[in-house]
Amino acid sequence: MLALTLTGCGGFDATPVNFSQEDIVTVGAIQTIEIRERVLASLPESAPQVNTQQAELGRLLFWDPILSGDRDVACATCHLPEAGYTDGQHQAIGVGGMGRGEERTIGHTGRVPRNSQTVLNTAWNGINELGLFEPTTAPMFWDSRKESLESQALEPIRSRQEMRGDNFSENGIDAEIAGRLNRIPAYQQAFSDAFGTESITITDVARALASFQRTLVANQTPFDRWMRGEANAMTNRQISGMQEFVIAGCADCHSGPLFSDFEPHVLGVREGTDVAEPDSGDGNFAFRTPTLRQLSLTAPYFHAGQRATLGSALDFYDEPRSSNNPDVSSSDLDPELLEVPEMDDGRGAIIQDFLETLNDDSFDKLVPAAVPSGLPPGGFDSGTPVS
């Protein structure tokens, strides 16, 4: 059993660690450890199996602006490899925008109301502490309004601000996209090879995009390696930070392999900077618990990027007692939020050191040199009309 006592800055003394790798239990494809009645777990070491042809077709579609109404936005516009498959913006910039990542500027449709979530590890959305998950019911988006990657894949295409624009109706964009793809010989062949069909359907577009997203995994973090038995993958301070993470109550919501309970919670975070009307999340101003993996790449944080840095995000939890949102009563805040202890410099710093162990830079970053439509991959500039 490991017994560590660490003194942090600001006079904070970390609680002695009373667990070790000997306490790790393998459950199916994951490794779990129980700390003070909370369970943290590694991700599976292998990515979910997918049809390779469908996944590679999905990669082309993910980067091709042909899927947007004005041919100026791709899925990748807001989900960039260098930003952990987010975009670096507090709220996404879709239709009409110009530029890439943090440098992208607003177009005529303005900003999307919410922060772009990473698509890394979404293959395991909904995974629980036993490593069990059901892809067909996996919760998607900040408000869990869709289930499964296949359902998620089509929502941005139908959204006016994200990809659809003003020239097509929400009910008409599916047929428009399918028609465009059917007129491109390279896509006709690729869909035939991947799905064995003569005509391209929007359903198969969703299936291909979902297959590609299931290949985007980041499951070789220092934490995952430590859980699999690599003794030096984490420092003593990071191990201590893991315990403080649990003691502080972070693991009440951020647990399991993806450090999320996938449940909605009311935190009373202030409204986003660029929203036309209050964002009520699931209807009750609750938003789904996000993963804590890949935080070093996916700033800013919260549902509308309200916190620019990880330190600032941790400061939000420093003795939260009242709502920062005028539309949310303090009495409606999640009870677990109110139980978080003081997140002083010492406690917050050592927890932040642990969170650094949840980063993995070895994920797939391949960008296609060209896409079948002939448009610029990524859609970072205005589209060029094609038939």
Protein backbone atom coordinates (compact mmCIF):
# COMPACT_ATOMS: atom_id res chain seq x y z
CA MET A 1 0.00 0.00 0.00
CA LEU A 2 1.27 3.44 -0.98
CA ALA A 3 1.59 5.97 1.84
CA LEU A 4 2.43 9.45 0.55
CA THR A 5 2.25 12.75 2.40
CA LEU A 6 2.70 15.86 0.28
CA THR A 7 2.78 19.49 1.31
CA GLY A 8 1.46 21.81 -1.36
CA CYS A 9 1.71 25.52 -1.88
CA GLY A 10 -0.52 27.92 0.04
CA GLY A 11 -0.19 25.84 3.20
CA PHE A 12 -2.30 23.01 1.82
CA ASP A 13 -1.35 19.54 3.05
CA ALA A 14 -2.59 16.70 0.87
CA THR A 15 -4.18 13.75 2.61
CA PRO A 16 -1.81 10.75 2.82
CA VAL A 17 -2.50 8.33 -0.04
CA ASN A 18 -3.76 4.97 1.19
CA PHE A 19 -4.07 3.00 -2.04
CA SER A 20 -1.71 1.53 -4.63
CA GLN A 21 -1.70 -0.31 -7.94
CA GLU A 22 -2.36 -3.47 -5.96
CA ASP A 23 -5.90 -2.16 -5.44
CA ILE A 24 -6.60 -2.02 -9.19
CA VAL A 25 -9.19 -4.52 -10.42
CA THR A 26 -9.55 -5.57 -14.04
CA VAL A 27 -13.17 -5.66 -15.16
CA GLY A 28 -13.54 -6.86 -18.73
CA ALA A 29 -11.56 -4.49 -20.96
CA ILE A 30 -10.92 -1.81 -18.32
CA GLN A 31 -9.06 -1.41 -15.05
CA THR A 32 -10.84 0.13 -12.06
CA ILE A 33 -9.80 1.51 -8.71
CA GLU A 34 -12.09 2.46 -5.83
CA ILE A 35 -11.03 5.50 -3.82
CA ARG A 36 -13.27 6.56 -0.94
CA GLU A 37 -16.31 4.85 -2.49
CA ARG A 38 -15.76 6.44 -5.91
CA VAL A 39 -14.60 4.44 -8.91
CA LEU A 40 -12.10 5.73 -11.46
CA ALA A 41 -11.28 3.59 -14.48
CA SER A 42 -9.08 3.33 -17.54
CA LEU A 43 -10.42 3.28 -21.05
CA PRO A 44 -10.25 0.02 -23.02
CA GLU A 45 -6.78 -0.40 -24.53
CA SER A 46 -8.24 -1.17 -27.96
CA ALA A 47 -10.59 1.03 -29.96
CA PRO A 48 -14.00 -0.33 -30.95
CA GLN A 49 -13.90 -2.36 -34.15
CA VAL A 50 -15.22 -0.61 -37.25
CA ASN A 51 -15.45 -1.30 -40.96
CA THR A 52 -12.24 0.24 -42.34
CA GLN A 53 -13.75 1.27 -45.67
CA GLN A 54 -16.66 2.99 -43.95
CA ALA A 55 -14.31 4.76 -41.53
CA GLU A 56 -12.01 6.05 -44.27
CA LEU A 57 -15.02 7.24 -46.25
CA GLY A 58 -16.16 8.95 -43.07
CA ARG A 59 -12.80 10.72 -42.81
CA LEU A 60 -13.28 12.20 -46.29
CA LEU A 61 -16.82 13.30 -45.44
CA PHE A 62 -15.67 14.75 -42.10
CA TRP A 63 -13.25 17.05 -43.94
CA ASP A 64 -15.43 17.82 -46.98
CA PRO A 65 -17.39 21.13 -47.05
CA ILE A 66 -19.76 19.52 -49.54
CA LEU A 67 -21.87 18.55 -46.52
CA SER A 68 -22.73 22.19 -45.75
CA GLY A 69 -25.40 24.24 -47.45
CA ASP A 70 -23.03 26.89 -48.81
CA ARG A 71 -20.11 24.47 -49.20
CA ASP A 72 -18.08 26.57 -46.76
CA VAL A 73 -18.06 24.45 -43.57
CA ALA A 74 -16.95 20.89 -42.83
CA CYS A 75 -17.31 18.87 -39.66
CA ALA A 76 -13.58 19.45 -39.22
CA THR A 77 -14.04 23.23 -39.23
CA CYS A 78 -15.06 23.02 -35.57
CA HIS A 79 -13.26 19.77 -34.74
CA LEU A 80 -9.56 20.16 -35.48
CA PRO A 81 -6.85 17.62 -34.61
CA GLU A 82 -4.49 20.28 -33.28
CA ALA A 83 -7.20 21.39 -30.83
CA GLY A 84 -8.07 17.89 -29.65
CA TYR A 85 -10.89 17.83 -32.20
CA THR A 86 -12.38 21.07 -30.88
CA ASP A 87 -11.77 24.55 -32.35
CA GLY A 88 -10.26 26.74 -29.62
CA GLN A 89 -13.27 29.07 -29.74
CA HIS A 90 -15.50 29.78 -26.73
CA GLN A 91 -18.49 29.28 -29.01
CA ALA A 92 -18.17 27.71 -32.44
CA ILE A 93 -18.14 29.69 -35.69
CA GLY A 94 -19.78 27.85 -38.54
CA VAL A 95 -21.56 29.21 -41.63
CA GLY A 96 -19.97 32.29 -43.18
CA GLY A 97 -16.91 32.23 -40.96
CA MET A 98 -13.38 32.60 -42.27
CA GLY A 99 -10.10 31.14 -41.02
CA ARG A 100 -9.03 28.21 -38.89
CA GLY A 101 -9.29 27.42 -35.20
CA GLU A 102 -8.66 30.29 -32.79
CA GLU A 103 -8.11 32.67 -35.72
CA ARG A 104 -11.53 32.02 -37.27
CA THR A 105 -13.73 35.12 -37.60
CA ILE A 106 -17.51 35.42 -37.43
CA GLY A 107 -19.71 35.31 -40.52
CA HIS A 108 -23.28 36.45 -41.14
CA THR A 109 -24.87 33.74 -38.95
CA GLY A 110 -22.79 34.66 -35.90
CA ARG A 111 -21.61 32.16 -33.34
CA VAL A 112 -23.16 28.84 -32.44
CA PRO A 113 -24.56 29.18 -28.88
CA ARG A 114 -22.32 26.44 -27.46
CA ASN A 115 -18.72 25.36 -27.20
CA SER A 116 -17.56 22.63 -29.58
CA GLN A 117 -17.08 19.41 -27.64
CA THR A 118 -14.27 17.05 -28.55
CA VAL A 119 -15.19 14.04 -30.65
CA LEU A 120 -12.23 12.11 -29.22
CA ASN A 121 -13.38 9.01 -27.30
CA THR A 122 -17.05 9.59 -28.17
CA ALA A 123 -17.01 5.97 -29.32
CA TRP A 124 -17.38 5.21 -25.59
CA ASN A 125 -19.96 7.82 -24.63
CA GLY A 126 -22.16 6.46 -21.88
CA ILE A 127 -19.56 3.96 -20.64
CA ASN A 128 -20.02 3.13 -16.96
CA GLU A 129 -17.71 2.04 -14.14
CA LEU A 130 -17.92 -1.59 -15.29
CA GLY A 131 -16.89 -0.71 -18.83
CA LEU A 132 -20.38 -1.32 -20.18
CA PHE A 133 -21.92 0.96 -22.81
CA GLU A 134 -24.55 0.82 -25.53
CA PRO A 135 -23.60 2.70 -28.74
CA THR A 136 -27.22 2.98 -29.90
CA THR A 137 -28.25 4.94 -26.80
CA ALA A 138 -25.01 6.85 -26.16
CA PRO A 139 -25.81 10.44 -25.06
CA MET A 140 -24.62 13.19 -27.40
CA PHE A 141 -24.31 16.98 -27.20
CA TRP A 142 -24.29 19.21 -24.13
CA ASP A 143 -27.99 18.54 -23.58
CA SER A 144 -28.00 14.82 -24.52
CA ARG A 145 -30.71 15.56 -27.08
CA LYS A 146 -29.50 12.80 -29.41
CA GLU A 147 -28.45 9.21 -28.84
CA SER A 148 -25.72 7.44 -30.87
CA LEU A 149 -22.97 8.84 -33.06
CA GLU A 150 -25.11 8.11 -36.11
CA SER A 151 -27.87 10.44 -34.85
CA GLN A 152 -25.34 13.03 -33.74
CA ALA A 153 -23.59 13.14 -37.11
CA LEU A 154 -26.54 14.70 -38.95
CA GLU A 155 -27.48 17.39 -36.44
CA PRO A 156 -24.75 19.91 -37.39
CA ILE A 157 -25.59 19.46 -41.09
CA ARG A 158 -29.19 20.46 -40.33
CA SER A 159 -28.24 23.41 -38.10
CA ARG A 160 -28.43 26.85 -39.71
CA GLN A 161 -25.48 28.30 -37.83
CA GLU A 162 -23.28 25.21 -37.88
CA MET A 163 -23.47 23.98 -41.49
CA ARG A 164 -26.85 24.42 -43.26
CA GLY A 165 -26.93 28.18 -43.77
CA ASP A 166 -29.88 30.13 -45.18
CA ASN A 167 -30.28 28.64 -48.66
CA PHE A 168 -31.86 25.34 -47.62
CA SER A 169 -34.55 24.39 -45.15
CA GLU A 170 -33.94 22.04 -42.26
CA ASN A 171 -36.27 19.55 -43.93
CA GLY A 172 -34.61 19.89 -47.32
CA ILE A 173 -30.90 19.76 -46.55
CA ASP A 174 -30.69 15.95 -46.25
CA ALA A 175 -31.91 15.43 -49.80
CA GLU A 176 -29.66 18.21 -51.07
CA ILE A 177 -26.55 16.64 -49.55
CA ALA A 178 -27.42 13.14 -50.77
CA GLY A 179 -28.02 14.53 -54.26
CA ARG A 180 -24.67 16.32 -54.34
CA LEU A 181 -22.79 13.20 -53.26
CA ASN A 182 -24.60 11.07 -55.83
CA ARG A 183 -23.33 13.40 -58.56
CA ILE A 184 -19.67 12.88 -57.60
CA PRO A 185 -18.27 9.68 -59.16
CA ALA A 186 -15.57 9.22 -56.51
CA TYR A 187 -18.17 9.26 -53.76
CA GLN A 188 -20.45 6.93 -55.72
CA GLN A 189 -17.63 4.40 -55.88
CA ALA A 190 -16.58 4.86 -52.27
CA PHE A 191 -20.13 4.37 -50.94
CA SER A 192 -20.61 1.35 -53.19
CA ASP A 193 -17.40 -0.20 -51.86
CA ALA A 194 -18.23 0.58 -48.24
CA PHE A 195 -21.94 -0.19 -48.14
CA GLY A 196 -22.67 -2.21 -51.29
CA THR A 197 -25.36 0.21 -52.42
CA GLU A 198 -25.89 1.94 -55.75
CA SER A 199 -27.47 5.10 -54.36
CA ILE A 200 -26.02 7.25 -51.58
CA THR A 201 -28.41 7.94 -48.71
CA ILE A 202 -28.14 10.35 -45.83
CA THR A 203 -28.37 7.35 -43.49
CA ASP A 204 -25.16 5.93 -44.93
CA VAL A 205 -23.53 9.36 -44.66
CA ALA A 206 -24.28 9.24 -40.93
CA ARG A 207 -22.99 5.68 -40.66
CA ALA A 208 -19.71 6.58 -42.37
CA LEU A 209 -19.18 9.67 -40.19
CA ALA A 210 -19.92 7.65 -37.07
CA SER A 211 -17.48 4.92 -38.12
CA PHE A 212 -14.71 7.47 -38.55
CA GLN A 213 -15.42 9.10 -35.20
CA ARG A 214 -15.16 5.71 -33.51
CA THR A 215 -11.52 5.53 -34.67
CA LEU A 216 -10.69 8.80 -32.88
CA VAL A 217 -9.53 7.54 -29.51
CA ALA A 218 -7.03 8.83 -26.97
CA ASN A 219 -6.61 5.95 -24.55
CA GLN A 220 -2.87 5.94 -23.81
CA THR A 221 -2.74 8.66 -21.17
CA PRO A 222 -0.36 8.43 -18.19
CA PHE A 223 -3.41 7.61 -16.06
CA ASP A 224 -4.45 4.75 -18.37
CA ARG A 225 -0.90 3.39 -18.42
CA TRP A 226 -0.66 3.59 -14.61
CA MET A 227 -3.94 1.76 -14.28
CA ARG A 228 -2.59 -0.96 -16.59
CA GLY A 229 0.42 -1.47 -14.34
CA GLU A 230 3.09 0.98 -15.53
CA ALA A 231 4.42 2.09 -12.16
CA ASN A 232 6.21 5.25 -13.30
CA ALA A 233 3.48 6.57 -15.60
CA MET A 234 2.29 8.95 -12.86
CA THR A 235 4.31 10.90 -10.31
CA ASN A 236 3.66 10.68 -6.58
CA ARG A 237 2.20 14.19 -6.70
CA GLN A 238 -0.18 13.21 -9.48
CA ILE A 239 -1.27 10.13 -7.56
CA SER A 240 -1.89 12.33 -4.54
CA GLY A 241 -3.83 14.71 -6.79
CA MET A 242 -6.02 11.81 -7.88
CA GLN A 243 -7.00 11.24 -4.25
CA GLU A 244 -7.65 14.96 -3.68
CA PHE A 245 -9.79 14.90 -6.84
CA VAL A 246 -12.00 12.34 -5.12
CA ILE A 247 -11.93 14.02 -1.68
CA ALA A 248 -12.99 17.33 -3.24
CA GLY A 249 -16.07 15.67 -4.70
CA CYS A 250 -14.99 15.96 -8.33
CA ALA A 251 -15.53 12.23 -8.82
CA ASP A 252 -19.14 12.51 -7.69
CA CYS A 253 -19.88 13.53 -11.29
CA HIS A 254 -16.55 12.93 -13.06
CA SER A 255 -16.05 9.19 -12.60
CA GLY A 256 -15.67 6.05 -14.68
CA PRO A 257 -13.47 5.64 -17.77
CA LEU A 258 -14.47 8.97 -19.38
CA PHE A 259 -14.62 10.87 -16.08
CA SER A 260 -18.29 11.64 -16.65
CA ASP A 261 -21.54 10.34 -15.22
CA PHE A 262 -23.25 11.49 -18.46
CA GLU A 263 -25.97 13.10 -16.37
CA PRO A 264 -27.31 16.69 -16.56
CA HIS A 265 -26.38 19.05 -13.72
CA VAL A 266 -27.38 22.62 -12.90
CA LEU A 267 -24.24 24.62 -12.09
CA GLY A 268 -25.51 28.16 -12.54
CA VAL A 269 -22.65 29.15 -14.85
CA ARG A 270 -23.09 32.61 -16.34
CA GLU A 271 -24.47 32.84 -19.86
CA GLY A 272 -22.13 32.65 -22.83
CA THR A 273 -20.72 35.85 -24.26
CA ASP A 274 -22.45 35.61 -27.62
CA VAL A 275 -25.95 34.22 -27.12
CA ALA A 276 -29.13 35.81 -28.42
CA GLU A 277 -31.26 34.32 -25.65
CA PRO A 278 -30.66 32.33 -22.45
CA ASP A 279 -29.44 28.78 -23.09
CA SER A 280 -31.56 26.49 -20.93
CA GLY A 281 -29.61 23.36 -21.78
CA ASP A 282 -31.91 20.39 -21.30
CA GLY A 283 -34.77 22.78 -20.54
CA ASN A 284 -33.85 23.21 -16.88
CA PHE A 285 -30.49 24.94 -17.37
CA ALA A 286 -28.75 21.63 -16.81
CA PHE A 287 -25.90 20.44 -19.02
CA ARG A 288 -24.35 17.01 -19.36
CA THR A 289 -21.14 16.37 -17.45
CA PRO A 290 -18.27 16.65 -19.95
CA THR A 291 -15.28 14.33 -20.03
CA LEU A 292 -12.13 15.53 -18.27
CA ARG A 293 -9.87 13.81 -20.77
CA GLN A 294 -7.76 15.90 -23.17
CA LEU A 295 -8.23 19.13 -21.22
CA SER A 296 -4.79 20.41 -22.21
CA LEU A 297 -6.00 20.64 -25.82
CA THR A 298 -9.66 21.54 -25.50
CA ALA A 299 -9.87 24.94 -23.79
CA PRO A 300 -11.98 26.98 -23.21
CA TYR A 301 -14.27 25.14 -20.82
CA PHE A 302 -17.97 24.83 -19.87
CA HIS A 303 -20.88 24.73 -22.31
CA ALA A 304 -20.23 28.16 -23.80
CA GLY A 305 -16.51 28.43 -23.12
CA GLN A 306 -17.06 30.63 -20.08
CA ARG A 307 -13.68 29.74 -18.56
CA ALA A 308 -10.56 30.27 -20.67
CA THR A 309 -8.08 28.22 -18.65
CA LEU A 310 -8.13 25.07 -16.57
CA GLY A 311 -7.11 27.04 -13.49
CA SER A 312 -10.03 29.38 -14.04
CA ALA A 313 -12.38 26.42 -14.45
CA LEU A 314 -11.20 25.01 -11.12
CA ASP A 315 -11.67 28.43 -9.51
CA PHE A 316 -15.37 28.21 -10.39
CA TYR A 317 -15.67 25.41 -7.84
CA ASP A 318 -14.00 27.39 -5.06
CA GLU A 319 -16.79 27.29 -2.49
CA PRO A 320 -19.71 27.74 -4.93
CA ARG A 321 -22.69 28.93 -2.95
CA SER A 322 -24.74 30.99 -5.38
CA SER A 323 -25.73 31.00 -9.03
CA ASN A 324 -23.86 33.16 -11.54
CA ASN A 325 -26.79 32.98 -13.95
CA PRO A 326 -29.77 35.32 -13.44
CA ASP A 327 -32.09 32.67 -14.91
CA VAL A 328 -31.00 30.05 -12.38
CA SER A 329 -32.00 30.30 -8.75
CA SER A 330 -29.32 29.41 -6.24
CA SER A 331 -31.82 27.02 -4.69
CA ASP A 332 -31.90 25.08 -7.97
CA LEU A 333 -28.16 24.40 -8.08
CA ASP A 334 -27.06 20.79 -8.02
CA PRO A 335 -26.65 19.73 -4.36
CA GLU A 336 -23.34 18.02 -5.12
CA LEU A 337 -21.95 21.34 -6.36
CA LEU A 338 -22.66 22.95 -3.01
CA GLU A 339 -20.67 20.25 -1.21
CA VAL A 340 -17.38 21.01 -2.99
CA PRO A 341 -14.78 22.18 -0.41
CA GLU A 342 -12.57 25.22 -0.77
CA MET A 343 -10.51 24.91 -3.95
CA ASP A 344 -7.59 26.96 -2.67
CA ASP A 345 -4.31 27.31 -4.54
CA GLY A 346 -2.86 24.18 -2.99
CA ARG A 347 -5.78 21.83 -3.51
CA GLY A 348 -6.60 23.17 -6.96
CA ALA A 349 -2.97 22.95 -8.08
CA ILE A 350 -2.50 19.33 -7.06
CA ILE A 351 -5.81 18.34 -8.66
CA GLN A 352 -4.71 20.12 -11.83
CA ASP A 353 -1.50 18.05 -11.77
CA PHE A 354 -3.65 14.91 -11.73
CA LEU A 355 -5.80 16.18 -14.60
CA GLU A 356 -2.63 16.49 -16.69
CA THR A 357 -2.39 12.69 -16.57
CA LEU A 358 -5.62 12.45 -18.59
CA ASN A 359 -4.00 13.83 -21.75
CA ASP A 360 -2.83 11.71 -24.69
CA ASP A 361 -1.35 13.26 -27.82
CA SER A 362 -1.03 10.00 -29.78
CA PHE A 363 -4.49 10.09 -31.39
CA ASP A 364 -5.15 10.09 -35.15
CA LYS A 365 -4.44 13.52 -36.65
CA LEU A 366 -4.40 12.55 -40.34
CA VAL A 367 -5.85 15.18 -42.67
CA PRO A 368 -6.73 14.12 -46.23
CA ALA A 369 -4.75 16.00 -48.88
CA ALA A 370 -7.90 16.33 -50.96
CA VAL A 371 -11.58 15.41 -50.80
CA PRO A 372 -13.75 14.08 -53.67
CA SER A 373 -15.74 17.32 -54.06
CA GLY A 374 -12.59 19.24 -54.97
CA LEU A 375 -13.31 21.79 -52.24
CA PRO A 376 -10.60 22.79 -49.73
CA PRO A 377 -10.47 20.16 -46.94
CA GLY A 378 -11.84 21.67 -43.73
CA GLY A 379 -13.83 24.48 -45.33
CA PHE A 380 -11.86 27.26 -43.68
CA ASP A 381 -12.56 29.68 -46.51
CA SER A 382 -15.76 30.46 -48.38
CA GLY A 383 -16.99 27.65 -50.57
CA THR A 384 -16.81 27.44 -54.35
CA PRO A 385 -20.11 26.48 -55.95
CA VAL A 386 -20.07 23.07 -57.61
CA SER A 387 -22.83 21.09 -59.24
